[in-house]
Amino acid sequence: EIMSYRRILRGEPGTKVSIGLTDKNGKDL
């Protein structure tokens, strides 16, 4: 599990990753 999440977020320094989140109130951002 730990290795999988790390691989998902891997990338070169300075590059960007977009993440879709839902907060505790159910609001998406």
ModelCIF file with pLDDT and N, C-alpha, C, O atoms, coordinates in Angstrom:
data_MODEL
#
_entry.id   MODEL 
#
_entity.id                         1 
_entity.type                       polymer 
_entity.pdbx_number_of_molecules   1 
#
_entity_poly.entity_id                      1 
_entity_poly.type                           'polypeptide(L)' 
_entity_poly.nstd_linkage                   no 
_entity_poly.nstd_monomer                   no 
_entity_poly.pdbx_seq_one_letter_code       EIMSYRRILRGEPGTKVSIGLTDKNGKDL 
_entity_poly.pdbx_seq_one_letter_code_can   EIMSYRRILRGEPGTKVSIGLTDKNGKDL 
_entity_poly.pdbx_strand_id                 A 
#
loop_
_entity_poly_seq.entity_id 
_entity_poly_seq.num 
_entity_poly_seq.mon_id 
_entity_poly_seq.hetero 
1 1  GLU n 
1 2  ILE n 
1 3  MET n 
1 4  SER n 
1 5  TYR n 
1 6  ARG n 
1 7  ARG n 
1 8  ILE n 
1 9  LEU n 
1 10 ARG n 
1 11 GLY n 
1 12 GLU n 
1 13 PRO n 
1 14 GLY n 
1 15 THR n 
1 16 LYS n 
1 17 VAL n 
1 18 SER n 
1 19 ILE n 
1 20 GLY n 
1 21 LEU n 
1 22 THR n 
1 23 ASP n 
1 24 LYS n 
1 25 ASN n 
1 26 GLY n 
1 27 LYS n 
1 28 ASP n 
1 29 LEU n 
#
_struct_asym.id          A 
_struct_asym.entity_id   1 
#
loop_
_ma_qa_metric.id 
_ma_qa_metric.mode 
_ma_qa_metric.name 
_ma_qa_metric.software_group_id 
_ma_qa_metric.type 
1 global pLDDT . pLDDT 
2 local  pLDDT . pLDDT 
#
_ma_qa_metric_global.metric_id      1 
_ma_qa_metric_global.metric_value   94.45 
_ma_qa_metric_global.model_id       1 
_ma_qa_metric_global.ordinal_id     1 
#
loop_
_ma_qa_metric_local.label_asym_id 
_ma_qa_metric_local.label_comp_id 
_ma_qa_metric_local.label_seq_id 
_ma_qa_metric_local.metric_id 
_ma_qa_metric_local.metric_value 
_ma_qa_metric_local.model_id 
_ma_qa_metric_local.ordinal_id 
A GLU 1  2 95.00 1 1  
A ILE 2  2 95.00 1 2  
A MET 3  2 91.00 1 3  
A SER 4  2 94.00 1 4  
A TYR 5  2 96.00 1 5  
A ARG 6  2 91.00 1 6  
A ARG 7  2 88.00 1 7  
A ILE 8  2 95.00 1 8  
A LEU 9  2 94.00 1 9  
A ARG 10 2 87.00 1 10 
A GLY 11 2 88.00 1 11 
A GLU 12 2 86.00 1 12 
A PRO 13 2 89.00 1 13 
A GLY 14 2 92.00 1 14 
A THR 15 2 95.00 1 15 
A LYS 16 2 96.00 1 16 
A VAL 17 2 97.00 1 17 
A SER 18 2 98.00 1 18 
A ILE 19 2 98.00 1 19 
A GLY 20 2 98.00 1 20 
A LEU 21 2 98.00 1 21 
A THR 22 2 98.00 1 22 
A ASP 23 2 97.00 1 23 
A LYS 24 2 96.00 1 24 
A ASN 25 2 97.00 1 25 
A GLY 26 2 97.00 1 26 
A LYS 27 2 98.00 1 27 
A ASP 28 2 98.00 1 28 
A LEU 29 2 97.00 1 29 
#
loop_
_atom_site.group_PDB 
_atom_site.id 
_atom_site.type_symbol 
_atom_site.label_atom_id 
_atom_site.label_alt_id 
_atom_site.label_comp_id 
_atom_site.label_asym_id 
_atom_site.label_entity_id 
_atom_site.label_seq_id 
_atom_site.pdbx_PDB_ins_code 
_atom_site.Cartn_x 
_atom_site.Cartn_y 
_atom_site.Cartn_z 
_atom_site.occupancy 
_atom_site.B_iso_or_equiv 
_atom_site.pdbx_formal_charge 
_atom_site.auth_seq_id 
_atom_site.auth_comp_id 
_atom_site.auth_asym_id 
_atom_site.auth_atom_id 
_atom_site.pdbx_PDB_model_num 
ATOM 1   N N  . GLU A 1 1  ? 0.836   -1.208 0.000   1.00 95.00 ? 1  GLU A N  1 
ATOM 2   C CA . GLU A 1 1  ? 0.000   0.000  0.000   1.00 95.00 ? 1  GLU A CA 1 
ATOM 3   C C  . GLU A 1 1  ? 0.866   1.252  0.000   1.00 95.00 ? 1  GLU A C  1 
ATOM 4   O O  . GLU A 1 1  ? 0.623   2.179  -0.773  1.00 95.00 ? 1  GLU A O  1 
ATOM 5   N N  . ILE A 1 2  ? 1.873   1.280  0.863   1.00 95.00 ? 2  ILE A N  1 
ATOM 6   C CA . ILE A 1 2  ? 2.749   2.443  0.963   1.00 95.00 ? 2  ILE A CA 1 
ATOM 7   C C  . ILE A 1 2  ? 3.489   2.673  -0.347  1.00 95.00 ? 2  ILE A C  1 
ATOM 8   O O  . ILE A 1 2  ? 3.578   3.803  -0.828  1.00 95.00 ? 2  ILE A O  1 
ATOM 9   N N  . MET A 1 3  ? 4.018   1.594  -0.923  1.00 91.00 ? 3  MET A N  1 
ATOM 10  C CA . MET A 1 3  ? 4.732   1.696  -2.193  1.00 91.00 ? 3  MET A CA 1 
ATOM 11  C C  . MET A 1 3  ? 3.817   2.180  -3.306  1.00 91.00 ? 3  MET A C  1 
ATOM 12  O O  . MET A 1 3  ? 4.236   2.951  -4.169  1.00 91.00 ? 3  MET A O  1 
ATOM 13  N N  . SER A 1 4  ? 2.577   1.732  -3.287  1.00 94.00 ? 4  SER A N  1 
ATOM 14  C CA . SER A 1 4  ? 1.630   2.102  -4.342  1.00 94.00 ? 4  SER A CA 1 
ATOM 15  C C  . SER A 1 4  ? 1.317   3.589  -4.315  1.00 94.00 ? 4  SER A C  1 
ATOM 16  O O  . SER A 1 4  ? 1.321   4.245  -5.357  1.00 94.00 ? 4  SER A O  1 
ATOM 17  N N  . TYR A 1 5  ? 1.046   4.120  -3.141  1.00 96.00 ? 5  TYR A N  1 
ATOM 18  C CA . TYR A 1 5  ? 0.743   5.547  -3.054  1.00 96.00 ? 5  TYR A CA 1 
ATOM 19  C C  . TYR A 1 5  ? 1.958   6.389  -3.420  1.00 96.00 ? 5  TYR A C  1 
ATOM 20  O O  . TYR A 1 5  ? 1.833   7.442  -4.045  1.00 96.00 ? 5  TYR A O  1 
ATOM 21  N N  . ARG A 1 6  ? 3.115   5.920  -3.030  1.00 91.00 ? 6  ARG A N  1 
ATOM 22  C CA . ARG A 1 6  ? 4.333   6.648  -3.389  1.00 91.00 ? 6  ARG A CA 1 
ATOM 23  C C  . ARG A 1 6  ? 4.510   6.686  -4.905  1.00 91.00 ? 6  ARG A C  1 
ATOM 24  O O  . ARG A 1 6  ? 4.850   7.722  -5.475  1.00 91.00 ? 6  ARG A O  1 
ATOM 25  N N  . ARG A 1 7  ? 4.278   5.555  -5.543  1.00 88.00 ? 7  ARG A N  1 
ATOM 26  C CA . ARG A 1 7  ? 4.437   5.490  -6.998  1.00 88.00 ? 7  ARG A CA 1 
ATOM 27  C C  . ARG A 1 7  ? 3.432   6.396  -7.707  1.00 88.00 ? 7  ARG A C  1 
ATOM 28  O O  . ARG A 1 7  ? 3.753   7.015  -8.721  1.00 88.00 ? 7  ARG A O  1 
ATOM 29  N N  . ILE A 1 8  ? 2.220   6.469  -7.168  1.00 95.00 ? 8  ILE A N  1 
ATOM 30  C CA . ILE A 1 8  ? 1.185   7.309  -7.772  1.00 95.00 ? 8  ILE A CA 1 
ATOM 31  C C  . ILE A 1 8  ? 1.588   8.786  -7.756  1.00 95.00 ? 8  ILE A C  1 
ATOM 32  O O  . ILE A 1 8  ? 1.293   9.528  -8.694  1.00 95.00 ? 8  ILE A O  1 
ATOM 33  N N  . LEU A 1 9  ? 2.263   9.203  -6.684  1.00 94.00 ? 9  LEU A N  1 
ATOM 34  C CA . LEU A 1 9  ? 2.614   10.617 -6.538  1.00 94.00 ? 9  LEU A CA 1 
ATOM 35  C C  . LEU A 1 9  ? 4.010   10.947 -7.052  1.00 94.00 ? 9  LEU A C  1 
ATOM 36  O O  . LEU A 1 9  ? 4.434   12.100 -6.972  1.00 94.00 ? 9  LEU A O  1 
ATOM 37  N N  . ARG A 1 10 ? 4.735   9.959  -7.578  1.00 87.00 ? 10 ARG A N  1 
ATOM 38  C CA . ARG A 1 10 ? 6.114   10.202 -7.972  1.00 87.00 ? 10 ARG A CA 1 
ATOM 39  C C  . ARG A 1 10 ? 6.196   11.194 -9.132  1.00 87.00 ? 10 ARG A C  1 
ATOM 40  O O  . ARG A 1 10 ? 5.240   11.363 -9.889  1.00 87.00 ? 10 ARG A O  1 
ATOM 41  N N  . GLY A 1 11 ? 7.342   11.838 -9.258  1.00 88.00 ? 11 GLY A N  1 
ATOM 42  C CA . GLY A 1 11 ? 7.549   12.777 -10.343 1.00 88.00 ? 11 GLY A CA 1 
ATOM 43  C C  . GLY A 1 11 ? 8.804   13.592 -10.136 1.00 88.00 ? 11 GLY A C  1 
ATOM 44  O O  . GLY A 1 11 ? 9.430   13.532 -9.078  1.00 88.00 ? 11 GLY A O  1 
ATOM 45  N N  . GLU A 1 12 ? 9.164   14.343 -11.137 1.00 86.00 ? 12 GLU A N  1 
ATOM 46  C CA . GLU A 1 12 ? 10.387  15.134 -11.114 1.00 86.00 ? 12 GLU A CA 1 
ATOM 47  C C  . GLU A 1 12 ? 10.196  16.406 -10.299 1.00 86.00 ? 12 GLU A C  1 
ATOM 48  O O  . GLU A 1 12 ? 9.109   16.984 -10.323 1.00 86.00 ? 12 GLU A O  1 
ATOM 49  N N  . PRO A 1 13 ? 11.222  16.861 -9.574  1.00 89.00 ? 13 PRO A N  1 
ATOM 50  C CA . PRO A 1 13 ? 11.116  18.123 -8.821  1.00 89.00 ? 13 PRO A CA 1 
ATOM 51  C C  . PRO A 1 13 ? 10.686  19.279 -9.722  1.00 89.00 ? 13 PRO A C  1 
ATOM 52  O O  . PRO A 1 13 ? 11.176  19.433 -10.841 1.00 89.00 ? 13 PRO A O  1 
ATOM 53  N N  . GLY A 1 14 ? 9.767   20.078 -9.211  1.00 92.00 ? 14 GLY A N  1 
ATOM 54  C CA . GLY A 1 14 ? 9.275   21.227 -9.966  1.00 92.00 ? 14 GLY A CA 1 
ATOM 55  C C  . GLY A 1 14 ? 8.047   20.940 -10.803 1.00 92.00 ? 14 GLY A C  1 
ATOM 56  O O  . GLY A 1 14 ? 7.387   21.871 -11.265 1.00 92.00 ? 14 GLY A O  1 
ATOM 57  N N  . THR A 1 15 ? 7.723   19.661 -11.012 1.00 95.00 ? 15 THR A N  1 
ATOM 58  C CA . THR A 1 15 ? 6.522   19.329 -11.783 1.00 95.00 ? 15 THR A CA 1 
ATOM 59  C C  . THR A 1 15 ? 5.294   19.404 -10.881 1.00 95.00 ? 15 THR A C  1 
ATOM 60  O O  . THR A 1 15 ? 5.405   19.441 -9.655  1.00 95.00 ? 15 THR A O  1 
ATOM 61  N N  . LYS A 1 16 ? 4.119   19.425 -11.516 1.00 96.00 ? 16 LYS A N  1 
ATOM 62  C CA . LYS A 1 16 ? 2.872   19.608 -10.773 1.00 96.00 ? 16 LYS A CA 1 
ATOM 63  C C  . LYS A 1 16 ? 2.011   18.347 -10.807 1.00 96.00 ? 16 LYS A C  1 
ATOM 64  O O  . LYS A 1 16 ? 2.088   17.552 -11.743 1.00 96.00 ? 16 LYS A O  1 
ATOM 65  N N  . VAL A 1 17 ? 1.204   18.184 -9.787  1.00 97.00 ? 17 VAL A N  1 
ATOM 66  C CA . VAL A 1 17 ? 0.231   17.107 -9.747  1.00 97.00 ? 17 VAL A CA 1 
ATOM 67  C C  . VAL A 1 17 ? -1.097  17.690 -9.263  1.00 97.00 ? 17 VAL A C  1 
ATOM 68  O O  . VAL A 1 17 ? -1.146  18.398 -8.257  1.00 97.00 ? 17 VAL A O  1 
ATOM 69  N N  . SER A 1 18 ? -2.175  17.381 -9.993  1.00 98.00 ? 18 SER A N  1 
ATOM 70  C CA . SER A 1 18 ? -3.502  17.872 -9.636  1.00 98.00 ? 18 SER A CA 1 
ATOM 71  C C  . SER A 1 18 ? -4.247  16.803 -8.853  1.00 98.00 ? 18 SER A C  1 
ATOM 72  O O  . SER A 1 18 ? -4.271  15.637 -9.245  1.00 98.00 ? 18 SER A O  1 
ATOM 73  N N  . ILE A 1 19 ? -4.847  17.203 -7.757  1.00 98.00 ? 19 ILE A N  1 
ATOM 74  C CA . ILE A 1 19 ? -5.519  16.247 -6.879  1.00 98.00 ? 19 ILE A CA 1 
ATOM 75  C C  . ILE A 1 19 ? -6.933  16.716 -6.586  1.00 98.00 ? 19 ILE A C  1 
ATOM 76  O O  . ILE A 1 19 ? -7.152  17.855 -6.174  1.00 98.00 ? 19 ILE A O  1 
ATOM 77  N N  . GLY A 1 20 ? -7.896  15.817 -6.806  1.00 98.00 ? 20 GLY A N  1 
ATOM 78  C CA . GLY A 1 20 ? -9.287  16.096 -6.472  1.00 98.00 ? 20 GLY A CA 1 
ATOM 79  C C  . GLY A 1 20 ? -9.588  15.590 -5.077  1.00 98.00 ? 20 GLY A C  1 
ATOM 80  O O  . GLY A 1 20 ? -9.376  14.415 -4.775  1.00 98.00 ? 20 GLY A O  1 
ATOM 81  N N  . LEU A 1 21 ? -10.086 16.484 -4.216  1.00 98.00 ? 21 LEU A N  1 
ATOM 82  C CA . LEU A 1 21 ? -10.312 16.161 -2.805  1.00 98.00 ? 21 LEU A CA 1 
ATOM 83  C C  . LEU A 1 21 ? -11.755 16.443 -2.406  1.00 98.00 ? 21 LEU A C  1 
ATOM 84  O O  . LEU A 1 21 ? -12.474 17.189 -3.071  1.00 98.00 ? 21 LEU A O  1 
ATOM 85  N N  . THR A 1 22 ? -12.152 15.825 -1.301  1.00 98.00 ? 22 THR A N  1 
ATOM 86  C CA . THR A 1 22 ? -13.434 16.132 -0.669  1.00 98.00 ? 22 THR A CA 1 
ATOM 87  C C  . THR A 1 22 ? -13.173 16.399 0.800   1.00 98.00 ? 22 THR A C  1 
ATOM 88  O O  . THR A 1 22 ? -12.575 15.568 1.484   1.00 98.00 ? 22 THR A O  1 
ATOM 89  N N  . ASP A 1 23 ? -13.618 17.558 1.298   1.00 97.00 ? 23 ASP A N  1 
ATOM 90  C CA . ASP A 1 23 ? -13.339 17.902 2.698   1.00 97.00 ? 23 ASP A CA 1 
ATOM 91  C C  . ASP A 1 23 ? -14.372 17.288 3.632   1.00 97.00 ? 23 ASP A C  1 
ATOM 92  O O  . ASP A 1 23 ? -15.286 16.598 3.181   1.00 97.00 ? 23 ASP A O  1 
ATOM 93  N N  . LYS A 1 24 ? -14.235 17.531 4.913   1.00 96.00 ? 24 LYS A N  1 
ATOM 94  C CA . LYS A 1 24 ? -15.085 16.890 5.917   1.00 96.00 ? 24 LYS A CA 1 
ATOM 95  C C  . LYS A 1 24 ? -16.546 17.337 5.837   1.00 96.00 ? 24 LYS A C  1 
ATOM 96  O O  . LYS A 1 24 ? -17.436 16.684 6.382   1.00 96.00 ? 24 LYS A O  1 
ATOM 97  N N  . ASN A 1 25 ? -16.779 18.446 5.156   1.00 97.00 ? 25 ASN A N  1 
ATOM 98  C CA . ASN A 1 25 ? -18.157 18.922 4.972   1.00 97.00 ? 25 ASN A CA 1 
ATOM 99  C C  . ASN A 1 25 ? -18.782 18.419 3.672   1.00 97.00 ? 25 ASN A C  1 
ATOM 100 O O  . ASN A 1 25 ? -19.905 18.790 3.329   1.00 97.00 ? 25 ASN A O  1 
ATOM 101 N N  . GLY A 1 26 ? -18.042 17.569 2.950   1.00 97.00 ? 26 GLY A N  1 
ATOM 102 C CA . GLY A 1 26 ? -18.553 17.024 1.697   1.00 97.00 ? 26 GLY A CA 1 
ATOM 103 C C  . GLY A 1 26 ? -18.325 17.913 0.498   1.00 97.00 ? 26 GLY A C  1 
ATOM 104 O O  . GLY A 1 26 ? -18.847 17.635 -0.582  1.00 97.00 ? 26 GLY A O  1 
ATOM 105 N N  . LYS A 1 27 ? -17.557 18.978 0.659   1.00 98.00 ? 27 LYS A N  1 
ATOM 106 C CA . LYS A 1 27 ? -17.294 19.909 -0.430  1.00 98.00 ? 27 LYS A CA 1 
ATOM 107 C C  . LYS A 1 27 ? -16.097 19.420 -1.256  1.00 98.00 ? 27 LYS A C  1 
ATOM 108 O O  . LYS A 1 27 ? -15.049 19.089 -0.700  1.00 98.00 ? 27 LYS A O  1 
ATOM 109 N N  . ASP A 1 28 ? -16.258 19.375 -2.584  1.00 98.00 ? 28 ASP A N  1 
ATOM 110 C CA . ASP A 1 28 ? -15.172 18.970 -3.472  1.00 98.00 ? 28 ASP A CA 1 
ATOM 111 C C  . ASP A 1 28 ? -14.275 20.164 -3.796  1.00 98.00 ? 28 ASP A C  1 
ATOM 112 O O  . ASP A 1 28 ? -14.759 21.286 -3.944  1.00 98.00 ? 28 ASP A O  1 
ATOM 113 N N  . LEU A 1 29 ? -12.979 19.923 -3.903  1.00 97.00 ? 29 LEU A N  1 
ATOM 114 C CA . LEU A 1 29 ? -12.040 20.959 -4.314  1.00 97.00 ? 29 LEU A CA 1 
ATOM 115 C C  . LEU A 1 29 ? -10.910 20.344 -5.112  1.00 97.00 ? 29 LEU A C  1 
ATOM 116 O O  . LEU A 1 29 ? -10.007 21.056 -5.553  1.00 97.00 ? 29 LEU A O  1 
#
